[in-house]
Protein backbone atom coordinates (compact mmCIF):
# COMPACT_ATOMS: atom_id res chain seq x y z
CA UNK A 1 0.00 0.00 0.00
CA UNK A 2 1.38 3.39 -0.91
CA UNK A 3 1.50 6.20 1.59
CA UNK A 4 -0.46 9.31 0.83
CA UNK A 5 1.54 12.50 0.89
CA UNK A 6 0.38 16.08 0.92
CA UNK A 7 2.14 18.38 -1.48
CA UNK A 8 1.05 22.01 -1.60
CA UNK A 9 -2.49 21.19 -0.63
CA UNK A 10 -2.85 18.24 -3.03
CA UNK A 11 -2.71 14.60 -2.11
CA UNK A 12 -0.42 12.34 -4.04
CA UNK A 13 0.73 8.78 -3.56
CA UNK A 14 4.26 8.07 -2.46
CA UNK A 15 6.22 4.98 -3.20
CA UNK A 16 8.70 3.85 -5.74
CA UNK A 17 12.43 3.92 -5.40
CA UNK A 18 13.77 6.80 -3.34
CA UNK A 19 17.37 5.77 -3.73
CA UNK A 20 19.27 3.06 -5.50
CA UNK A 21 22.56 1.57 -4.31
CA UNK A 22 25.28 3.04 -6.51
CA UNK A 23 27.29 -0.20 -6.50
CA UNK A 24 24.29 -2.15 -7.81
CA UNK A 25 23.61 0.46 -10.47
CA UNK A 26 27.23 0.33 -11.67
CA UNK A 27 27.11 -3.46 -11.76
CA UNK A 28 23.92 -3.46 -13.86
CA UNK A 29 25.30 -0.86 -16.27
CA UNK A 30 28.61 -2.70 -16.67
CA UNK A 31 26.83 -6.04 -17.16
CA UNK A 32 24.50 -4.77 -19.88
CA UNK A 33 27.23 -2.71 -21.56
CA UNK A 34 29.55 -5.71 -21.67
CA UNK A 35 27.01 -8.09 -23.17
CA UNK A 36 25.05 -5.77 -25.48
CA UNK A 37 27.73 -3.14 -26.18
CA UNK A 38 25.31 -0.36 -25.29
CA UNK A 39 26.74 2.91 -24.02
CA UNK A 40 26.48 3.64 -20.30
CA UNK A 41 24.45 6.74 -21.19
CA UNK A 42 21.89 4.65 -23.10
CA UNK A 43 21.62 2.17 -20.25
CA UNK A 44 21.18 4.94 -17.68
CA UNK A 45 18.13 6.22 -19.58
CA UNK A 46 16.34 2.93 -18.93
CA UNK A 47 13.83 2.74 -16.12
CA UNK A 48 14.98 0.69 -13.13
CA UNK A 49 12.55 -2.14 -13.91
CA UNK A 50 13.63 -2.27 -17.57
CA UNK A 51 17.30 -2.37 -16.60
CA UNK A 52 16.64 -5.23 -14.17
CA UNK A 53 14.65 -7.08 -16.87
CA UNK A 54 17.60 -6.85 -19.27
CA UNK A 55 19.98 -8.12 -16.57
CA UNK A 56 17.69 -11.11 -15.99
CA UNK A 57 17.38 -11.78 -19.72
CA UNK A 58 21.14 -11.68 -20.28
CA UNK A 59 21.64 -13.98 -17.29
CA UNK A 60 19.11 -16.46 -18.71
CA UNK A 61 20.89 -16.43 -22.08
CA UNK A 62 24.25 -17.00 -20.38
CA UNK A 63 22.83 -19.84 -18.27
CA UNK A 64 21.39 -21.55 -21.36
CA UNK A 65 24.67 -21.22 -23.26
CA UNK A 66 26.69 -22.54 -20.32
CA UNK A 67 24.31 -25.50 -19.97
CA UNK A 68 24.70 -26.29 -23.68
CA UNK A 69 21.07 -25.47 -24.50
CA UNK A 70 19.56 -23.01 -26.96
CA UNK A 71 20.12 -19.36 -26.18
PDB file of N, CA and C in Angstrom:
ATOM      1  N   UNK A   1       0.847  -1.171   0.000  1.00  0.00           N
ATOM      2  CA  UNK A   1       0.000   0.000   0.000  1.00  0.00           C
ATOM      3  C   UNK A   1       0.894   1.236   0.000  1.00  0.00           C
ATOM      4  N   UNK A   2       0.579   2.172  -0.827  1.00  0.00           N
ATOM      5  CA  UNK A   2       1.377   3.393  -0.907  1.00  0.00           C
ATOM      6  C   UNK A   2       0.894   4.409   0.109  1.00  0.00           C
ATOM      7  N   UNK A   3       1.842   5.139   0.650  1.00  0.00           N
ATOM      8  CA  UNK A   3       1.501   6.196   1.594  1.00  0.00           C
ATOM      9  C   UNK A   3       0.959   7.396   0.833  1.00  0.00           C
ATOM     10  N   UNK A   4       0.033   8.083   1.437  1.00  0.00           N
ATOM     11  CA  UNK A   4      -0.462   9.314   0.829  1.00  0.00           C
ATOM     12  C   UNK A   4       0.312  10.486   1.388  1.00  0.00           C
ATOM     13  N   UNK A   5       0.752  11.334   0.510  1.00  0.00           N
ATOM     14  CA  UNK A   5       1.537  12.496   0.893  1.00  0.00           C
ATOM     15  C   UNK A   5       0.792  13.761   0.504  1.00  0.00           C
ATOM     16  N   UNK A   6       0.978  14.797   1.266  1.00  0.00           N
ATOM     17  CA  UNK A   6       0.383  16.078   0.922  1.00  0.00           C
ATOM     18  C   UNK A   6       1.473  16.953   0.337  1.00  0.00           C
ATOM     19  N   UNK A   7       1.173  17.523  -0.804  1.00  0.00           N
ATOM     20  CA  UNK A   7       2.139  18.384  -1.483  1.00  0.00           C
ATOM     21  C   UNK A   7       1.403  19.637  -1.941  1.00  0.00           C
ATOM     22  N   UNK A   8       1.669  20.730  -1.268  1.00  0.00           N
ATOM     23  CA  UNK A   8       1.045  22.012  -1.602  1.00  0.00           C
ATOM     24  C   UNK A   8      -0.473  21.904  -1.699  1.00  0.00           C
ATOM     25  N   UNK A   9      -1.051  21.265  -0.691  1.00  0.00           N
ATOM     26  CA  UNK A   9      -2.495  21.187  -0.627  1.00  0.00           C
ATOM     27  C   UNK A   9      -3.114  20.065  -1.436  1.00  0.00           C
ATOM     28  N   UNK A  10      -2.328  19.352  -2.233  1.00  0.00           N
ATOM     29  CA  UNK A  10      -2.851  18.239  -3.026  1.00  0.00           C
ATOM     30  C   UNK A  10      -2.345  16.935  -2.442  1.00  0.00           C
ATOM     31  N   UNK A  11      -3.165  15.924  -2.531  1.00  0.00           N
ATOM     32  CA  UNK A  11      -2.712  14.603  -2.106  1.00  0.00           C
ATOM     33  C   UNK A  11      -2.074  13.903  -3.290  1.00  0.00           C
ATOM     34  N   UNK A  12      -1.034  13.181  -3.014  1.00  0.00           N
ATOM     35  CA  UNK A  12      -0.424  12.338  -4.040  1.00  0.00           C
ATOM     36  C   UNK A  12       0.056  11.071  -3.353  1.00  0.00           C
ATOM     37  N   UNK A  13       0.292  10.059  -4.119  1.00  0.00           N
ATOM     38  CA  UNK A  13       0.732   8.784  -3.563  1.00  0.00           C
ATOM     39  C   UNK A  13       2.240   8.708  -3.610  1.00  0.00           C
ATOM     40  N   UNK A  14       2.814   8.285  -2.523  1.00  0.00           N
ATOM     41  CA  UNK A  14       4.260   8.072  -2.456  1.00  0.00           C
ATOM     42  C   UNK A  14       4.582   6.662  -2.897  1.00  0.00           C
ATOM     43  N   UNK A  15       5.805   6.328  -2.823  1.00  0.00           N
ATOM     44  CA  UNK A  15       6.219   4.985  -3.200  1.00  0.00           C
ATOM     45  C   UNK A  15       7.272   5.052  -4.271  1.00  0.00           C
ATOM     46  N   UNK A  16       7.662   3.904  -4.730  1.00  0.00           N
ATOM     47  CA  UNK A  16       8.704   3.848  -5.743  1.00  0.00           C
ATOM     48  C   UNK A  16      10.070   3.831  -5.088  1.00  0.00           C
ATOM     49  N   UNK A  17      11.065   3.983  -5.886  1.00  0.00           N
ATOM     50  CA  UNK A  17      12.434   3.920  -5.398  1.00  0.00           C
ATOM     51  C   UNK A  17      12.900   5.318  -5.043  1.00  0.00           C
ATOM     52  N   UNK A  18      13.267   5.507  -3.781  1.00  0.00           N
ATOM     53  CA  UNK A  18      13.775   6.801  -3.337  1.00  0.00           C
ATOM     54  C   UNK A  18      15.268   6.907  -3.566  1.00  0.00           C
ATOM     55  N   UNK A  19      15.939   5.800  -3.502  1.00  0.00           N
ATOM     56  CA  UNK A  19      17.366   5.773  -3.731  1.00  0.00           C
ATOM     57  C   UNK A  19      17.738   4.407  -4.272  1.00  0.00           C
ATOM     58  N   UNK A  20      18.853   4.319  -4.920  1.00  0.00           N
ATOM     59  CA  UNK A  20      19.275   3.059  -5.505  1.00  0.00           C
ATOM     60  C   UNK A  20      20.750   2.904  -5.198  1.00  0.00           C
ATOM     61  N   UNK A  21      21.146   1.756  -4.661  1.00  0.00           N
ATOM     62  CA  UNK A  21      22.558   1.574  -4.309  1.00  0.00           C
ATOM     63  C   UNK A  21      23.469   1.780  -5.522  1.00  0.00           C
ATOM     64  N   UNK A  22      24.397   2.685  -5.391  1.00  0.00           N
ATOM     65  CA  UNK A  22      25.283   3.036  -6.508  1.00  0.00           C
ATOM     66  C   UNK A  22      26.082   1.837  -6.998  1.00  0.00           C
ATOM     67  N   UNK A  23      26.527   0.983  -6.091  1.00  0.00           N
ATOM     68  CA  UNK A  23      27.287  -0.205  -6.504  1.00  0.00           C
ATOM     69  C   UNK A  23      26.441  -1.123  -7.380  1.00  0.00           C
ATOM     70  N   UNK A  24      25.177  -1.297  -7.020  1.00  0.00           N
ATOM     71  CA  UNK A  24      24.294  -2.151  -7.808  1.00  0.00           C
ATOM     72  C   UNK A  24      24.018  -1.532  -9.171  1.00  0.00           C
ATOM     73  N   UNK A  25      23.833  -0.227  -9.202  1.00  0.00           N
ATOM     74  CA  UNK A  25      23.606   0.464 -10.474  1.00  0.00           C
ATOM     75  C   UNK A  25      24.811   0.306 -11.391  1.00  0.00           C
ATOM     76  N   UNK A  26      26.005   0.502 -10.866  1.00  0.00           N
ATOM     77  CA  UNK A  26      27.226   0.335 -11.669  1.00  0.00           C
ATOM     78  C   UNK A  26      27.345  -1.091 -12.196  1.00  0.00           C
ATOM     79  N   UNK A  27      27.018  -2.059 -11.347  1.00  0.00           N
ATOM     80  CA  UNK A  27      27.106  -3.462 -11.757  1.00  0.00           C
ATOM     81  C   UNK A  27      26.132  -3.750 -12.907  1.00  0.00           C
ATOM     82  N   UNK A  28      24.919  -3.258 -12.804  1.00  0.00           N
ATOM     83  CA  UNK A  28      23.925  -3.459 -13.862  1.00  0.00           C
ATOM     84  C   UNK A  28      24.374  -2.806 -15.160  1.00  0.00           C
ATOM     85  N   UNK A  29      24.862  -1.576 -15.076  1.00  0.00           N
ATOM     86  CA  UNK A  29      25.299  -0.856 -16.274  1.00  0.00           C
ATOM     87  C   UNK A  29      26.472  -1.586 -16.923  1.00  0.00           C
ATOM     88  N   UNK A  30      27.443  -2.000 -16.127  1.00  0.00           N
ATOM     89  CA  UNK A  30      28.607  -2.705 -16.667  1.00  0.00           C
ATOM     90  C   UNK A  30      28.201  -4.027 -17.304  1.00  0.00           C
ATOM     91  N   UNK A  31      27.293  -4.743 -16.674  1.00  0.00           N
ATOM     92  CA  UNK A  31      26.833  -6.042 -17.164  1.00  0.00           C
ATOM     93  C   UNK A  31      26.149  -5.914 -18.520  1.00  0.00           C
ATOM     94  N   UNK A  32      25.223  -4.977 -18.623  1.00  0.00           N
ATOM     95  CA  UNK A  32      24.497  -4.768 -19.882  1.00  0.00           C
ATOM     96  C   UNK A  32      25.443  -4.223 -20.955  1.00  0.00           C
ATOM     97  N   UNK A  33      26.287  -3.286 -20.597  1.00  0.00           N
ATOM     98  CA  UNK A  33      27.227  -2.706 -21.563  1.00  0.00           C
ATOM     99  C   UNK A  33      28.168  -3.784 -22.111  1.00  0.00           C
ATOM    100  N   UNK A  34      28.630  -4.657 -21.247  1.00  0.00           N
ATOM    101  CA  UNK A  34      29.550  -5.715 -21.669  1.00  0.00           C
ATOM    102  C   UNK A  34      28.888  -6.666 -22.662  1.00  0.00           C
ATOM    103  N   UNK A  35      27.672  -7.081 -22.354  1.00  0.00           N
ATOM    104  CA  UNK A  35      27.008  -8.091 -23.174  1.00  0.00           C
ATOM    105  C   UNK A  35      26.346  -7.523 -24.429  1.00  0.00           C
ATOM    106  N   UNK A  36      25.783  -6.337 -24.353  1.00  0.00           N
ATOM    107  CA  UNK A  36      25.053  -5.766 -25.483  1.00  0.00           C
ATOM    108  C   UNK A  36      25.814  -4.646 -26.180  1.00  0.00           C
ATOM    109  N   UNK A  37      26.918  -4.217 -25.604  1.00  0.00           N
ATOM    110  CA  UNK A  37      27.729  -3.141 -26.177  1.00  0.00           C
ATOM    111  C   UNK A  37      26.953  -1.827 -26.287  1.00  0.00           C
ATOM    112  N   UNK A  38      26.023  -1.631 -25.361  1.00  0.00           N
ATOM    113  CA  UNK A  38      25.305  -0.360 -25.292  1.00  0.00           C
ATOM    114  C   UNK A  38      26.154   0.622 -24.507  1.00  0.00           C
ATOM    115  N   UNK A  39      25.988   1.899 -24.769  1.00  0.00           N
ATOM    116  CA  UNK A  39      26.742   2.910 -24.021  1.00  0.00           C
ATOM    117  C   UNK A  39      26.156   3.038 -22.615  1.00  0.00           C
ATOM    118  N   UNK A  40      26.999   3.404 -21.660  1.00  0.00           N
ATOM    119  CA  UNK A  40      26.477   3.638 -20.304  1.00  0.00           C
ATOM    120  C   UNK A  40      25.359   4.682 -20.293  1.00  0.00           C
ATOM    121  N   UNK A  41      25.480   5.688 -21.136  1.00  0.00           N
ATOM    122  CA  UNK A  41      24.452   6.738 -21.193  1.00  0.00           C
ATOM    123  C   UNK A  41      23.105   6.155 -21.630  1.00  0.00           C
ATOM    124  N   UNK A  42      23.135   5.274 -22.628  1.00  0.00           N
ATOM    125  CA  UNK A  42      21.892   4.653 -23.100  1.00  0.00           C
ATOM    126  C   UNK A  42      21.281   3.776 -22.009  1.00  0.00           C
ATOM    127  N   UNK A  43      22.109   3.049 -21.309  1.00  0.00           N
ATOM    128  CA  UNK A  43      21.623   2.167 -20.248  1.00  0.00           C
ATOM    129  C   UNK A  43      21.037   2.979 -19.099  1.00  0.00           C
ATOM    130  N   UNK A  44      21.655   4.105 -18.790  1.00  0.00           N
ATOM    131  CA  UNK A  44      21.178   4.938 -17.682  1.00  0.00           C
ATOM    132  C   UNK A  44      19.826   5.578 -17.984  1.00  0.00           C
ATOM    133  N   UNK A  45      19.444   5.649 -19.257  1.00  0.00           N
ATOM    134  CA  UNK A  45      18.133   6.223 -19.585  1.00  0.00           C
ATOM    135  C   UNK A  45      17.002   5.222 -19.360  1.00  0.00           C
ATOM    136  N   UNK A  46      17.358   3.950 -19.174  1.00  0.00           N
ATOM    137  CA  UNK A  46      16.338   2.933 -18.929  1.00  0.00           C
ATOM    138  C   UNK A  46      15.730   3.119 -17.543  1.00  0.00           C
ATOM    139  N   UNK A  47      14.467   2.784 -17.425  1.00  0.00           N
ATOM    140  CA  UNK A  47      13.825   2.741 -16.116  1.00  0.00           C
ATOM    141  C   UNK A  47      14.453   1.596 -15.325  1.00  0.00           C
ATOM    142  N   UNK A  48      14.409   1.714 -14.008  1.00  0.00           N
ATOM    143  CA  UNK A  48      14.982   0.691 -13.134  1.00  0.00           C
ATOM    144  C   UNK A  48      14.460  -0.700 -13.498  1.00  0.00           C
ATOM    145  N   UNK A  49      13.147  -0.832 -13.619  1.00  0.00           N
ATOM    146  CA  UNK A  49      12.552  -2.137 -13.909  1.00  0.00           C
ATOM    147  C   UNK A  49      13.042  -2.674 -15.249  1.00  0.00           C
ATOM    148  N   UNK A  50      13.144  -1.828 -16.260  1.00  0.00           N
ATOM    149  CA  UNK A  50      13.631  -2.273 -17.575  1.00  0.00           C
ATOM    150  C   UNK A  50      15.081  -2.738 -17.505  1.00  0.00           C
ATOM    151  N   UNK A  51      15.898  -2.001 -16.757  1.00  0.00           N
ATOM    152  CA  UNK A  51      17.303  -2.375 -16.602  1.00  0.00           C
ATOM    153  C   UNK A  51      17.414  -3.735 -15.920  1.00  0.00           C
ATOM    154  N   UNK A  52      16.621  -3.951 -14.875  1.00  0.00           N
ATOM    155  CA  UNK A  52      16.639  -5.235 -14.169  1.00  0.00           C
ATOM    156  C   UNK A  52      16.142  -6.356 -15.086  1.00  0.00           C
ATOM    157  N   UNK A  53      15.141  -6.076 -15.917  1.00  0.00           N
ATOM    158  CA  UNK A  53      14.646  -7.081 -16.873  1.00  0.00           C
ATOM    159  C   UNK A  53      15.743  -7.488 -17.849  1.00  0.00           C
ATOM    160  N   UNK A  54      16.508  -6.527 -18.356  1.00  0.00           N
ATOM    161  CA  UNK A  54      17.603  -6.847 -19.272  1.00  0.00           C
ATOM    162  C   UNK A  54      18.677  -7.668 -18.577  1.00  0.00           C
ATOM    163  N   UNK A  55      18.993  -7.337 -17.332  1.00  0.00           N
ATOM    164  CA  UNK A  55      19.982  -8.117 -16.572  1.00  0.00           C
ATOM    165  C   UNK A  55      19.509  -9.563 -16.442  1.00  0.00           C
ATOM    166  N   UNK A  56      18.229  -9.759 -16.118  1.00  0.00           N
ATOM    167  CA  UNK A  56      17.695 -11.114 -15.990  1.00  0.00           C
ATOM    168  C   UNK A  56      17.728 -11.853 -17.337  1.00  0.00           C
ATOM    169  N   UNK A  57      17.379 -11.156 -18.400  1.00  0.00           N
ATOM    170  CA  UNK A  57      17.378 -11.783 -19.719  1.00  0.00           C
ATOM    171  C   UNK A  57      18.783 -12.208 -20.134  1.00  0.00           C
ATOM    172  N   UNK A  58      19.752 -11.350 -19.949  1.00  0.00           N
ATOM    173  CA  UNK A  58      21.143 -11.684 -20.278  1.00  0.00           C
ATOM    174  C   UNK A  58      21.607 -12.865 -19.440  1.00  0.00           C
ATOM    175  N   UNK A  59      21.255 -12.874 -18.167  1.00  0.00           N
ATOM    176  CA  UNK A  59      21.642 -13.982 -17.286  1.00  0.00           C
ATOM    177  C   UNK A  59      21.026 -15.299 -17.752  1.00  0.00           C
ATOM    178  N   UNK A  60      19.769 -15.256 -18.205  1.00  0.00           N
ATOM    179  CA  UNK A  60      19.109 -16.460 -18.711  1.00  0.00           C
ATOM    180  C   UNK A  60      19.799 -16.964 -19.976  1.00  0.00           C
ATOM    181  N   UNK A  61      20.168 -16.048 -20.853  1.00  0.00           N
ATOM    182  CA  UNK A  61      20.886 -16.427 -22.076  1.00  0.00           C
ATOM    183  C   UNK A  61      22.220 -17.068 -21.718  1.00  0.00           C
ATOM    184  N   UNK A  62      22.955 -16.458 -20.806  1.00  0.00           N
ATOM    185  CA  UNK A  62      24.248 -17.004 -20.385  1.00  0.00           C
ATOM    186  C   UNK A  62      24.088 -18.378 -19.744  1.00  0.00           C
ATOM    187  N   UNK A  63      23.065 -18.553 -18.925  1.00  0.00           N
ATOM    188  CA  UNK A  63      22.831 -19.840 -18.272  1.00  0.00           C
ATOM    189  C   UNK A  63      22.539 -20.920 -19.311  1.00  0.00           C
ATOM    190  N   UNK A  64      21.723 -20.579 -20.315  1.00  0.00           N
ATOM    191  CA  UNK A  64      21.394 -21.553 -21.362  1.00  0.00           C
ATOM    192  C   UNK A  64      22.629 -21.925 -22.175  1.00  0.00           C
ATOM    193  N   UNK A  65      23.435 -20.945 -22.491  1.00  0.00           N
ATOM    194  CA  UNK A  65      24.668 -21.217 -23.261  1.00  0.00           C
ATOM    195  C   UNK A  65      25.607 -22.096 -22.447  1.00  0.00           C
ATOM    196  N   UNK A  66      25.778 -21.772 -21.177  1.00  0.00           N
ATOM    197  CA  UNK A  66      26.693 -22.541 -20.317  1.00  0.00           C
ATOM    198  C   UNK A  66      26.195 -23.972 -20.082  1.00  0.00           C
ATOM    199  N   UNK A  67      24.877 -24.170 -20.156  1.00  0.00           N
ATOM    200  CA  UNK A  67      24.311 -25.502 -19.971  1.00  0.00           C
ATOM    201  C   UNK A  67      24.275 -26.280 -21.281  1.00  0.00           C
ATOM    202  N   UNK A  68      24.663 -25.629 -22.382  1.00  0.00           N
ATOM    203  CA  UNK A  68      24.697 -26.293 -23.675  1.00  0.00           C
ATOM    204  C   UNK A  68      23.338 -26.319 -24.380  1.00  0.00           C
ATOM    205  N   UNK A  69      22.398 -25.518 -23.883  1.00  0.00           N
ATOM    206  CA  UNK A  69      21.073 -25.465 -24.500  1.00  0.00           C
ATOM    207  C   UNK A  69      20.957 -24.310 -25.466  1.00  0.00           C
ATOM    208  N   UNK A  70      19.772 -24.153 -26.049  1.00  0.00           N
ATOM    209  CA  UNK A  70      19.564 -23.009 -26.963  1.00  0.00           C
ATOM    210  C   UNK A  70      19.544 -21.697 -26.204  1.00  0.00           C
ATOM    211  N   UNK A  71      20.051 -20.674 -26.818  1.00  0.00           N
ATOM    212  CA  UNK A  71      20.123 -19.363 -26.182  1.00  0.00           C
ATOM    213  C   UNK A  71      18.840 -18.611 -26.305  1.00  0.00           C
TER     214      UNK A  71
END
